[in-house]
Amino acid sequence: MSRGLPLLHRRRVLVVGAIGGVTCAAVAVGAAMAGQDGSGSSSDASTKAASTISCPDVTGSLPEIPAKAKAEVDRNLALLQTQIDEANKRLASSAGEGGPNFVQNAILGPLADKRKSTLDRIAISIGRQAEKPQGLDALAECSLGGDAGAGQGGAGQGSDAGSGGAAEPPATAPGTAEPTDPGSGAEDGAGSDAGAGTGTGQSISCPDVASKVGAVPAAAQAEVDRNIALLQTQINEANKRLASSVGQGGPNFVQNAILGPLKDKRTSTIDRIRISISRQGATAPSGLDALAGCSLASG
């Protein structure tokens, strides 16, 4: 009996030690998992914070604004901020849509087109009363930035740039260079080099603009011709995108990633046509903006 007690005592010590070891291991694993959860949360927060749109400040690049132009300039500066807010809302609501170029093609590219048109109006407003500012077009491009409050900045342009959502990294901007052949057909449909219909049986059809422009002053003819040709180039590019993206995205993919951005580009180009004509003192054609929207056509 005297020898049995120490042996039982030793067994109890071994059992207690094993239980203690398991408890310590569980505590260590729990702490490690908590650390991972914390870091993951921080990473997610960082990703969300980075998913907002940041654009160059315009206000600080403007010269002194003549009193007669101030109201119109302020209106367009506010519009720049509105455009950023809308783009940020689109960014937040489209998380997970499209392919790797979706953000550039459907959000950043159209935003740049809208900003170019608005910046042009600002320059023209000032140029009517004083020396026209140069180089504002360089401020049109935006990118994904890390400040949740990032926006246009500057007075009179709003303080809320909208909230961002998860987004894909930007890619090279879609081609918007002016075509080399100004006479490459009217923009009434897909064009001969559209590349559309491969696997879809559809192409993009847009209202004709050239026939609605009317008389063009001689001094504005070259610029108007360039922009008419650019409208056709935009349709051709959209049709190529349509052909190459068969099966991508959800039910709204074509509208969000192709037709919507195309409409924005056409709106900016049509606006430049109107401005080119009005610069020469002629009456700009009205109602051209109604021709910006396009649709899918069979064949």
Protein backbone atom coordinates (compact mmCIF):
# COMPACT_ATOMS: atom_id res chain seq x y z
CA MET A 1 0.00 0.00 0.00
CA SER A 2 2.82 2.36 0.84
CA ARG A 3 4.26 1.89 -2.68
CA GLY A 4 0.84 2.23 -4.45
CA LEU A 5 0.12 5.76 -3.21
CA PRO A 6 3.12 7.46 -4.85
CA LEU A 7 2.30 5.68 -8.16
CA LEU A 8 -1.32 6.93 -8.08
CA HIS A 9 -0.08 10.39 -7.19
CA ARG A 10 2.27 10.36 -10.16
CA ARG A 11 -0.57 9.37 -12.51
CA ARG A 12 -2.69 12.24 -11.22
CA VAL A 13 0.15 14.66 -11.82
CA LEU A 14 0.55 13.42 -15.40
CA VAL A 15 -3.18 13.77 -16.13
CA VAL A 16 -3.35 17.30 -14.66
CA GLY A 17 -0.25 18.29 -16.61
CA ALA A 18 -1.73 17.02 -19.88
CA ILE A 19 -4.99 18.93 -19.31
CA GLY A 20 -3.03 22.08 -18.50
CA GLY A 21 -1.00 21.68 -21.70
CA VAL A 22 -4.14 21.33 -23.83
CA THR A 23 -5.67 24.44 -22.20
CA CYS A 24 -2.55 26.52 -22.87
CA ALA A 25 -2.48 25.35 -26.49
CA ALA A 26 -6.14 26.30 -26.91
CA VAL A 27 -5.48 29.75 -25.45
CA ALA A 28 -2.50 30.24 -27.79
CA VAL A 29 -4.52 29.17 -30.85
CA GLY A 30 -7.38 31.46 -29.85
CA ALA A 31 -5.02 34.40 -29.48
CA ALA A 32 -3.47 33.69 -32.88
CA MET A 33 -6.89 33.50 -34.52
CA ALA A 34 -7.94 36.73 -32.87
CA GLY A 35 -4.79 38.35 -34.21
CA GLN A 36 -5.59 37.09 -37.69
CA ASP A 37 -9.17 38.35 -37.45
CA GLY A 38 -7.92 41.75 -36.38
CA SER A 39 -5.43 42.00 -39.20
CA GLY A 40 -8.02 40.81 -41.74
CA SER A 41 -10.45 43.44 -40.54
CA SER A 42 -7.77 46.08 -40.83
CA SER A 43 -6.93 44.87 -44.33
CA ASP A 44 -10.59 44.97 -45.37
CA ALA A 45 -10.97 48.47 -43.98
CA SER A 46 -7.85 49.55 -45.82
CA THR A 47 -9.19 48.11 -49.08
CA LYS A 48 -12.51 49.89 -48.65
CA ALA A 49 -10.77 53.16 -47.80
CA ALA A 50 -8.71 52.91 -50.99
CA SER A 51 -11.77 52.39 -53.20
CA THR A 52 -12.79 55.98 -53.81
CA ILE A 53 -12.28 58.21 -56.81
CA SER A 54 -9.77 61.03 -56.59
CA CYS A 55 -9.59 63.82 -59.18
CA PRO A 56 -7.16 66.73 -59.65
CA ASP A 57 -8.19 70.04 -58.11
CA VAL A 58 -9.47 72.52 -60.69
CA THR A 59 -10.18 75.60 -58.59
CA GLY A 60 -6.51 76.13 -57.73
CA SER A 61 -5.56 76.02 -61.41
CA LEU A 62 -7.93 78.75 -62.52
CA PRO A 63 -6.86 82.36 -63.06
CA GLU A 64 -8.78 85.27 -61.59
CA ILE A 65 -12.40 84.81 -62.70
CA PRO A 66 -14.14 87.83 -64.23
CA ALA A 67 -17.28 88.87 -62.33
CA LYS A 68 -19.51 88.27 -65.36
CA ALA A 69 -18.23 84.69 -65.69
CA LYS A 70 -18.25 83.77 -62.01
CA ALA A 71 -21.80 82.37 -61.81
CA GLU A 72 -21.28 80.07 -64.79
CA VAL A 73 -17.84 78.97 -63.59
CA ASP A 74 -19.18 78.22 -60.11
CA ARG A 75 -21.99 76.17 -61.64
CA ASN A 76 -19.52 74.08 -63.58
CA LEU A 77 -17.18 73.67 -60.61
CA ALA A 78 -20.13 72.33 -58.62
CA LEU A 79 -20.96 70.04 -61.54
CA LEU A 80 -17.45 68.58 -61.40
CA GLN A 81 -18.07 67.56 -57.79
CA THR A 82 -21.49 66.13 -58.66
CA GLN A 83 -19.85 64.01 -61.35
CA ILE A 84 -17.37 62.63 -58.80
CA ASP A 85 -20.17 61.88 -56.33
CA GLU A 86 -22.12 60.00 -58.98
CA ALA A 87 -19.03 58.05 -60.06
CA ASN A 88 -18.29 57.07 -56.44
CA LYS A 89 -21.86 55.84 -55.99
CA ARG A 90 -21.50 53.81 -59.19
CA LEU A 91 -18.21 52.43 -57.87
CA ALA A 92 -19.85 51.36 -54.62
CA SER A 93 -22.89 49.77 -56.26
CA SER A 94 -20.99 47.82 -58.94
CA ALA A 95 -18.60 45.82 -56.77
CA GLY A 96 -17.87 42.50 -58.44
CA GLU A 97 -19.27 43.44 -61.85
CA GLY A 98 -17.45 42.98 -65.15
CA GLY A 99 -13.87 42.01 -65.88
CA PRO A 100 -10.50 43.52 -64.94
CA ASN A 101 -11.11 46.68 -67.02
CA PHE A 102 -14.63 47.33 -65.77
CA VAL A 103 -13.81 50.26 -63.47
CA GLN A 104 -11.80 52.02 -66.17
CA ASN A 105 -14.27 51.37 -68.98
CA ALA A 106 -17.53 51.90 -67.10
CA ILE A 107 -16.62 54.52 -64.48
CA LEU A 108 -13.26 56.32 -64.82
CA GLY A 109 -13.35 56.66 -68.62
CA PRO A 110 -16.84 58.17 -68.78
CA LEU A 111 -16.01 60.42 -65.82
CA ALA A 112 -12.99 61.80 -67.70
CA ASP A 113 -15.18 62.53 -70.74
CA LYS A 114 -17.72 64.40 -68.62
CA ARG A 115 -14.97 66.38 -66.88
CA LYS A 116 -13.37 67.35 -70.21
CA SER A 117 -16.64 68.78 -71.42
CA THR A 118 -17.21 70.67 -68.14
CA LEU A 119 -13.64 71.99 -68.08
CA ASP A 120 -14.08 73.19 -71.65
CA ARG A 121 -17.18 75.13 -70.60
CA ILE A 122 -15.25 76.72 -67.74
CA ALA A 123 -12.44 77.79 -70.10
CA ILE A 124 -14.92 79.20 -72.61
CA SER A 125 -16.83 81.10 -69.89
CA ILE A 126 -13.64 82.81 -68.74
CA GLY A 127 -12.40 83.29 -72.31
CA ARG A 128 -15.48 85.32 -73.19
CA GLN A 129 -14.51 87.96 -70.62
CA ALA A 130 -10.71 87.58 -70.29
CA GLU A 131 -7.80 85.48 -71.48
CA LYS A 132 -8.89 81.88 -71.85
CA PRO A 133 -7.07 79.51 -69.45
CA GLN A 134 -5.00 76.80 -71.12
CA GLY A 135 -4.26 73.21 -70.12
CA LEU A 136 -7.39 72.49 -68.08
CA ASP A 137 -7.96 69.28 -70.07
CA ALA A 138 -4.97 67.81 -68.26
CA LEU A 139 -7.09 67.81 -65.07
CA ALA A 140 -9.83 65.62 -66.52
CA GLU A 141 -8.40 62.20 -65.66
CA CYS A 142 -9.22 60.68 -62.24
CA SER A 143 -8.02 57.57 -60.46
CA LEU A 144 -8.80 55.35 -57.49
CA GLY A 145 -7.41 56.98 -54.36
CA GLY A 146 -7.24 56.22 -50.65
CA ASP A 147 -9.16 59.11 -49.10
CA ALA A 148 -12.80 58.33 -48.45
CA GLY A 149 -13.54 62.02 -48.71
CA ALA A 150 -11.51 62.49 -51.85
CA GLY A 151 -13.14 64.56 -54.50
CA GLN A 152 -12.73 67.66 -56.53
CA GLY A 153 -11.68 69.92 -53.69
CA GLY A 154 -11.79 73.67 -53.73
CA ALA A 155 -14.47 76.20 -52.98
CA GLY A 156 -17.98 75.76 -54.21
CA GLN A 157 -17.50 72.13 -55.19
CA GLY A 158 -19.14 70.25 -52.37
CA SER A 159 -17.69 68.40 -49.40
CA ASP A 160 -19.01 64.88 -49.86
CA ALA A 161 -17.41 62.86 -52.62
CA GLY A 162 -19.58 59.87 -51.90
CA SER A 163 -18.65 56.52 -50.47
CA GLY A 164 -16.62 53.98 -52.38
CA GLY A 165 -16.93 50.25 -52.63
CA ALA A 166 -14.67 47.39 -53.55
CA ALA A 167 -13.28 47.92 -57.00
CA GLU A 168 -10.91 46.40 -59.46
CA PRO A 169 -7.60 48.06 -60.33
CA PRO A 170 -7.69 50.56 -63.19
CA ALA A 171 -6.35 49.56 -66.58
CA THR A 172 -5.16 51.52 -69.54
CA ALA A 173 -7.76 54.06 -70.60
CA PRO A 174 -9.82 53.10 -73.62
CA GLY A 175 -8.76 54.74 -76.87
CA THR A 176 -10.32 58.15 -77.36
CA ALA A 177 -7.80 59.61 -79.79
CA GLU A 178 -9.19 61.35 -82.79
CA PRO A 179 -9.26 59.15 -85.90
CA THR A 180 -6.92 59.84 -88.78
CA ASP A 181 -9.67 59.74 -91.35
CA PRO A 182 -12.21 62.49 -90.68
CA GLY A 183 -14.45 61.26 -93.45
CA SER A 184 -14.97 57.73 -92.17
CA GLY A 185 -18.73 57.54 -92.50
CA ALA A 186 -21.68 58.90 -90.57
CA GLU A 187 -22.27 57.54 -87.10
CA ASP A 188 -25.64 55.99 -87.80
CA GLY A 189 -24.77 52.40 -86.91
CA ALA A 190 -22.02 49.94 -86.30
CA GLY A 191 -19.76 50.90 -89.17
CA SER A 192 -17.88 48.54 -91.46
CA ASP A 193 -15.07 47.88 -88.98
CA ALA A 194 -17.25 47.34 -85.94
CA GLY A 195 -16.28 43.74 -85.33
CA ALA A 196 -19.69 43.27 -83.78
CA GLY A 197 -22.01 40.34 -83.83
CA THR A 198 -19.38 37.64 -83.25
CA GLY A 199 -21.34 35.19 -81.17
CA THR A 200 -24.03 37.76 -80.34
CA GLY A 201 -25.92 38.55 -83.55
CA GLN A 202 -26.19 42.13 -82.28
CA SER A 203 -24.49 45.44 -82.95
CA ILE A 204 -24.80 48.94 -81.56
CA SER A 205 -26.97 51.46 -83.36
CA CYS A 206 -26.81 55.19 -82.65
CA PRO A 207 -28.82 58.18 -83.96
CA ASP A 208 -27.21 60.13 -86.79
CA VAL A 209 -25.71 63.44 -85.64
CA ALA A 210 -24.15 64.80 -88.83
CA SER A 211 -27.50 65.42 -90.50
CA LYS A 212 -28.80 67.32 -87.45
CA VAL A 213 -25.89 69.77 -87.11
CA GLY A 214 -27.05 72.09 -89.85
CA ALA A 215 -24.90 74.86 -91.35
CA VAL A 216 -21.37 74.93 -89.91
CA PRO A 217 -19.21 78.08 -90.02
CA ALA A 218 -16.11 77.59 -92.20
CA ALA A 219 -13.80 78.30 -89.24
CA ALA A 220 -15.43 75.49 -87.24
CA GLN A 221 -15.73 72.92 -90.05
CA ALA A 222 -12.48 71.05 -89.36
CA GLU A 223 -13.18 70.64 -85.66
CA VAL A 224 -16.77 69.59 -86.28
CA ASP A 225 -15.62 67.02 -88.86
CA ARG A 226 -13.08 65.62 -86.39
CA ASN A 227 -15.76 65.16 -83.74
CA ILE A 228 -18.27 63.65 -86.19
CA ALA A 229 -15.59 61.09 -87.13
CA LEU A 230 -14.84 60.53 -83.45
CA LEU A 231 -18.49 59.59 -82.88
CA GLN A 232 -18.07 56.78 -85.41
CA THR A 233 -14.82 55.65 -83.81
CA GLN A 234 -16.60 55.44 -80.46
CA ILE A 235 -19.29 53.22 -81.97
CA ASN A 236 -16.66 50.96 -83.56
CA GLU A 237 -14.84 50.60 -80.24
CA ALA A 238 -18.08 49.85 -78.40
CA ASN A 239 -18.97 47.17 -80.95
CA LYS A 240 -15.55 45.55 -80.54
CA ARG A 241 -16.08 45.58 -76.78
CA LEU A 242 -19.52 44.02 -77.32
CA ALA A 243 -18.02 41.21 -79.42
CA SER A 244 -15.15 40.52 -77.02
CA SER A 245 -17.23 40.47 -73.84
CA VAL A 246 -19.79 37.82 -74.73
CA GLY A 247 -20.80 35.98 -71.56
CA GLN A 248 -19.30 38.51 -69.16
CA GLY A 249 -21.11 40.11 -66.24
CA GLY A 250 -24.75 40.00 -65.24
CA PRO A 251 -27.95 41.01 -67.04
CA ASN A 252 -27.06 44.72 -66.92
CA PHE A 253 -23.48 44.31 -68.11
CA VAL A 254 -23.98 45.64 -71.66
CA GLN A 255 -25.84 48.71 -70.39
CA ASN A 256 -23.41 49.44 -67.56
CA ALA A 257 -20.12 48.61 -69.26
CA ILE A 258 -20.79 49.47 -72.92
CA LEU A 259 -23.92 51.47 -73.73
CA GLY A 260 -23.73 53.74 -70.68
CA PRO A 261 -20.08 54.73 -71.18
CA LEU A 262 -20.71 55.15 -74.93
CA LYS A 263 -23.53 57.58 -74.20
CA ASP A 264 -21.26 59.61 -71.90
CA LYS A 265 -18.56 59.80 -74.58
CA ARG A 266 -21.07 60.82 -77.22
CA THR A 267 -22.54 63.49 -74.93
CA SER A 268 -19.08 65.03 -74.50
CA THR A 269 -18.29 64.84 -78.21
CA ILE A 270 -21.65 66.31 -79.21
CA ASP A 271 -21.09 69.09 -76.69
CA ARG A 272 -17.75 69.87 -78.34
CA ILE A 273 -19.50 70.10 -81.72
CA ARG A 274 -21.99 72.56 -80.30
CA ILE A 275 -19.25 74.63 -78.64
CA SER A 276 -17.17 74.69 -81.86
CA ILE A 277 -20.08 76.24 -83.74
CA SER A 278 -21.03 78.75 -81.03
CA ARG A 279 -17.41 79.93 -80.75
CA GLN A 280 -17.72 81.42 -84.22
CA GLY A 281 -20.75 83.48 -83.26
CA ALA A 282 -23.23 81.17 -84.96
CA THR A 283 -26.31 79.75 -83.28
CA ALA A 284 -25.47 76.31 -81.95
CA PRO A 285 -27.90 73.55 -82.94
CA SER A 286 -30.28 72.60 -80.14
CA GLY A 287 -31.41 69.17 -79.07
CA LEU A 288 -28.24 67.33 -80.04
CA ASP A 289 -27.90 65.84 -76.55
CA ALA A 290 -30.97 63.74 -77.28
CA LEU A 291 -28.90 61.88 -79.89
CA ALA A 292 -26.32 60.60 -77.40
CA GLY A 293 -28.08 57.40 -76.35
CA CYS A 294 -27.54 54.21 -78.36
CA SER A 295 -29.14 50.77 -78.33
CA LEU A 296 -28.61 47.18 -79.45
CA ALA A 297 -29.85 46.19 -82.90
CA SER A 298 -30.07 42.73 -84.43
CA GLY A 299 -27.76 41.77 -87.24
